[in-house]
């Protein structure tokens, strides 16, 4: 599971960095509407980061629940 978490974190960081580079390129060009594009990129980056955190936390919670005697049923 640690490998999956590490891969998900690397993907999220890569997406975030790509978004930052795209936003920087758009700022340099001075296109109209680039503020909207930057906002979408930032929101997508935070959504990816939230997903990674959710995956890491949910696996821990499921592990704790599975340790409880009788948590799997009768």
N, C-alpha and C. Protein backbone atom coordinates (compact mmCIF):
# COMPACT_ATOMS: atom_id res chain seq x y z
N UNK A 1 0.82 -1.18 0.00
CA UNK A 1 0.00 0.00 0.00
C UNK A 1 0.87 1.26 0.00
N UNK A 2 2.06 1.16 0.65
CA UNK A 2 2.95 2.32 0.66
C UNK A 2 3.41 2.69 -0.74
N UNK A 3 3.61 1.68 -1.59
CA UNK A 3 4.01 1.94 -2.96
C UNK A 3 2.90 2.67 -3.71
N UNK A 4 1.66 2.26 -3.47
CA UNK A 4 0.53 2.93 -4.11
C UNK A 4 0.42 4.37 -3.63
N UNK A 5 0.59 4.58 -2.33
CA UNK A 5 0.53 5.94 -1.80
C UNK A 5 1.66 6.79 -2.38
N UNK A 6 2.86 6.24 -2.47
CA UNK A 6 3.99 6.98 -3.01
C UNK A 6 3.74 7.34 -4.47
N UNK A 7 3.19 6.40 -5.23
CA UNK A 7 2.90 6.67 -6.63
C UNK A 7 1.82 7.74 -6.77
N UNK A 8 0.80 7.66 -5.94
CA UNK A 8 -0.26 8.67 -6.00
C UNK A 8 0.27 10.05 -5.63
N UNK A 9 1.14 10.11 -4.66
CA UNK A 9 1.72 11.40 -4.26
C UNK A 9 2.59 11.96 -5.38
N UNK A 10 3.38 11.10 -6.01
CA UNK A 10 4.23 11.56 -7.12
C UNK A 10 3.38 12.08 -8.27
N UNK A 11 2.29 11.40 -8.56
CA UNK A 11 1.40 11.86 -9.63
C UNK A 11 0.79 13.20 -9.28
N UNK A 12 0.34 13.33 -8.04
CA UNK A 12 -0.27 14.60 -7.61
C UNK A 12 0.73 15.74 -7.69
N UNK A 13 1.96 15.49 -7.28
CA UNK A 13 3.00 16.53 -7.33
C UNK A 13 3.31 16.88 -8.78
N UNK A 14 3.39 15.87 -9.63
CA UNK A 14 3.66 16.13 -11.05
C UNK A 14 2.55 16.96 -11.68
N UNK A 15 1.30 16.64 -11.37
CA UNK A 15 0.17 17.40 -11.90
C UNK A 15 0.22 18.83 -11.38
N UNK A 16 0.53 18.98 -10.12
CA UNK A 16 0.59 20.31 -9.52
C UNK A 16 1.71 21.14 -10.17
N UNK A 17 2.88 20.54 -10.35
CA UNK A 17 3.99 21.26 -10.97
C UNK A 17 3.68 21.62 -12.41
N UNK A 18 3.04 20.71 -13.13
CA UNK A 18 2.66 20.98 -14.53
C UNK A 18 1.68 22.15 -14.58
N UNK A 19 0.76 22.17 -13.64
CA UNK A 19 -0.20 23.27 -13.57
C UNK A 19 0.49 24.59 -13.28
N UNK A 20 1.46 24.57 -12.40
CA UNK A 20 2.21 25.80 -12.09
C UNK A 20 2.96 26.30 -13.30
N UNK A 21 3.57 25.38 -14.07
CA UNK A 21 4.29 25.80 -15.27
C UNK A 21 3.35 26.36 -16.32
N UNK A 22 2.20 25.71 -16.49
CA UNK A 22 1.21 26.23 -17.45
C UNK A 22 0.71 27.60 -17.02
N UNK A 23 0.46 27.77 -15.74
CA UNK A 23 -0.01 29.07 -15.25
C UNK A 23 1.05 30.14 -15.48
N UNK A 24 2.31 29.81 -15.25
CA UNK A 24 3.39 30.78 -15.47
C UNK A 24 3.49 31.15 -16.95
N UNK A 25 3.35 30.16 -17.82
CA UNK A 25 3.39 30.45 -19.26
C UNK A 25 2.22 31.34 -19.68
N UNK A 26 1.07 31.09 -19.12
CA UNK A 26 -0.09 31.91 -19.47
C UNK A 26 0.06 33.34 -18.94
N UNK A 27 0.64 33.49 -17.76
CA UNK A 27 0.87 34.83 -17.21
C UNK A 27 1.82 35.61 -18.10
N UNK A 28 2.84 34.96 -18.61
CA UNK A 28 3.82 35.63 -19.44
C UNK A 28 3.24 36.10 -20.77
N UNK A 29 2.28 35.36 -21.30
CA UNK A 29 1.69 35.74 -22.58
C UNK A 29 0.68 36.87 -22.44
N UNK A 30 0.10 37.03 -21.29
CA UNK A 30 -0.86 38.10 -21.08
C UNK A 30 -2.19 37.87 -21.76
N UNK A 31 -2.56 36.62 -21.97
CA UNK A 31 -3.84 36.32 -22.61
C UNK A 31 -5.00 36.74 -21.71
N UNK A 32 -6.08 37.17 -22.33
CA UNK A 32 -7.27 37.47 -21.56
C UNK A 32 -7.90 36.15 -21.11
N UNK A 33 -8.41 36.14 -19.91
CA UNK A 33 -9.04 34.93 -19.38
C UNK A 33 -8.07 33.97 -18.74
N UNK A 34 -6.80 34.33 -18.68
CA UNK A 34 -5.83 33.42 -18.09
C UNK A 34 -6.07 33.24 -16.60
N UNK A 35 -6.69 34.23 -15.95
CA UNK A 35 -7.02 34.10 -14.53
C UNK A 35 -7.96 32.93 -14.29
N UNK A 36 -8.89 32.74 -15.21
CA UNK A 36 -9.83 31.62 -15.10
C UNK A 36 -9.08 30.31 -15.26
N UNK A 37 -8.19 30.26 -16.21
CA UNK A 37 -7.42 29.03 -16.46
C UNK A 37 -6.56 28.72 -15.24
N UNK A 38 -5.91 29.74 -14.68
CA UNK A 38 -5.09 29.52 -13.49
C UNK A 38 -5.92 28.99 -12.34
N UNK A 39 -7.11 29.54 -12.17
CA UNK A 39 -7.98 29.09 -11.09
C UNK A 39 -8.37 27.63 -11.28
N UNK A 40 -8.70 27.26 -12.50
CA UNK A 40 -9.06 25.87 -12.79
C UNK A 40 -7.89 24.94 -12.50
N UNK A 41 -6.70 25.35 -12.88
CA UNK A 41 -5.51 24.53 -12.64
C UNK A 41 -5.25 24.38 -11.15
N UNK A 42 -5.39 25.47 -10.41
CA UNK A 42 -5.16 25.41 -8.97
C UNK A 42 -6.19 24.51 -8.30
N UNK A 43 -7.45 24.66 -8.68
CA UNK A 43 -8.51 23.82 -8.10
C UNK A 43 -8.26 22.35 -8.42
N UNK A 44 -7.86 22.06 -9.65
CA UNK A 44 -7.57 20.67 -10.03
C UNK A 44 -6.39 20.13 -9.22
N UNK A 45 -5.38 20.97 -9.00
CA UNK A 45 -4.24 20.53 -8.20
C UNK A 45 -4.62 20.21 -6.76
N UNK A 46 -5.45 21.08 -6.17
CA UNK A 46 -5.88 20.81 -4.79
C UNK A 46 -6.81 19.60 -4.73
N UNK A 47 -7.61 19.39 -5.77
CA UNK A 47 -8.47 18.20 -5.79
C UNK A 47 -7.61 16.94 -5.85
N UNK A 48 -6.57 16.97 -6.65
CA UNK A 48 -5.66 15.82 -6.72
C UNK A 48 -4.96 15.58 -5.39
N UNK A 49 -4.54 16.64 -4.76
CA UNK A 49 -3.89 16.51 -3.46
C UNK A 49 -4.86 15.96 -2.41
N UNK A 50 -6.10 16.45 -2.44
CA UNK A 50 -7.11 15.95 -1.50
C UNK A 50 -7.36 14.46 -1.73
N UNK A 51 -7.36 14.03 -2.98
CA UNK A 51 -7.57 12.62 -3.29
C UNK A 51 -6.43 11.77 -2.72
N UNK A 52 -5.20 12.25 -2.86
CA UNK A 52 -4.06 11.52 -2.34
C UNK A 52 -4.15 11.40 -0.82
N UNK A 53 -4.49 12.48 -0.17
CA UNK A 53 -4.63 12.45 1.29
C UNK A 53 -5.75 11.50 1.69
N UNK A 54 -6.87 11.53 0.98
CA UNK A 54 -7.99 10.64 1.26
C UNK A 54 -7.55 9.18 1.13
N UNK A 55 -6.82 8.86 0.07
CA UNK A 55 -6.38 7.48 -0.12
C UNK A 55 -5.46 7.04 1.02
N UNK A 56 -4.56 7.90 1.43
CA UNK A 56 -3.64 7.55 2.51
C UNK A 56 -4.38 7.36 3.83
N UNK A 57 -5.30 8.25 4.12
CA UNK A 57 -6.03 8.16 5.39
C UNK A 57 -6.99 6.99 5.39
N UNK A 58 -7.69 6.77 4.28
CA UNK A 58 -8.68 5.69 4.26
C UNK A 58 -8.02 4.32 4.43
N UNK A 59 -6.83 4.15 3.87
CA UNK A 59 -6.16 2.86 4.03
C UNK A 59 -5.78 2.64 5.50
N UNK A 60 -5.35 3.70 6.17
CA UNK A 60 -5.03 3.58 7.60
C UNK A 60 -6.28 3.26 8.41
N UNK A 61 -7.37 3.93 8.13
CA UNK A 61 -8.62 3.71 8.88
C UNK A 61 -9.12 2.29 8.66
N UNK A 62 -9.06 1.80 7.43
CA UNK A 62 -9.51 0.44 7.16
C UNK A 62 -8.61 -0.56 7.89
N UNK A 63 -7.32 -0.27 7.96
CA UNK A 63 -6.41 -1.14 8.71
C UNK A 63 -6.75 -1.19 10.18
N UNK A 64 -7.09 -0.03 10.75
CA UNK A 64 -7.46 0.02 12.17
C UNK A 64 -8.77 -0.72 12.41
N UNK A 65 -9.73 -0.56 11.51
CA UNK A 65 -11.02 -1.23 11.66
C UNK A 65 -10.84 -2.74 11.57
N UNK A 66 -9.99 -3.19 10.67
CA UNK A 66 -9.77 -4.64 10.53
C UNK A 66 -9.11 -5.26 11.75
N UNK A 67 -8.44 -4.46 12.56
CA UNK A 67 -7.81 -4.97 13.78
C UNK A 67 -8.81 -5.14 14.92
N UNK A 68 -9.98 -4.55 14.82
CA UNK A 68 -10.98 -4.64 15.87
C UNK A 68 -11.58 -6.04 15.85
N UNK A 69 -11.58 -6.75 16.97
CA UNK A 69 -12.16 -8.11 16.99
C UNK A 69 -13.67 -8.04 16.69
N UNK A 70 -14.10 -8.88 15.78
CA UNK A 70 -15.52 -8.94 15.43
C UNK A 70 -15.96 -7.88 14.43
N UNK A 71 -15.02 -7.12 13.86
CA UNK A 71 -15.41 -6.05 12.93
C UNK A 71 -15.75 -6.58 11.55
N UNK A 72 -15.38 -7.84 11.26
CA UNK A 72 -15.64 -8.40 9.95
C UNK A 72 -16.96 -9.14 9.88
N UNK A 73 -17.68 -9.19 10.94
CA UNK A 73 -18.98 -9.87 10.93
C UNK A 73 -19.03 -11.00 11.92
N UNK A 74 -20.15 -11.72 11.98
CA UNK A 74 -20.30 -12.80 12.98
C UNK A 74 -19.41 -13.98 12.72
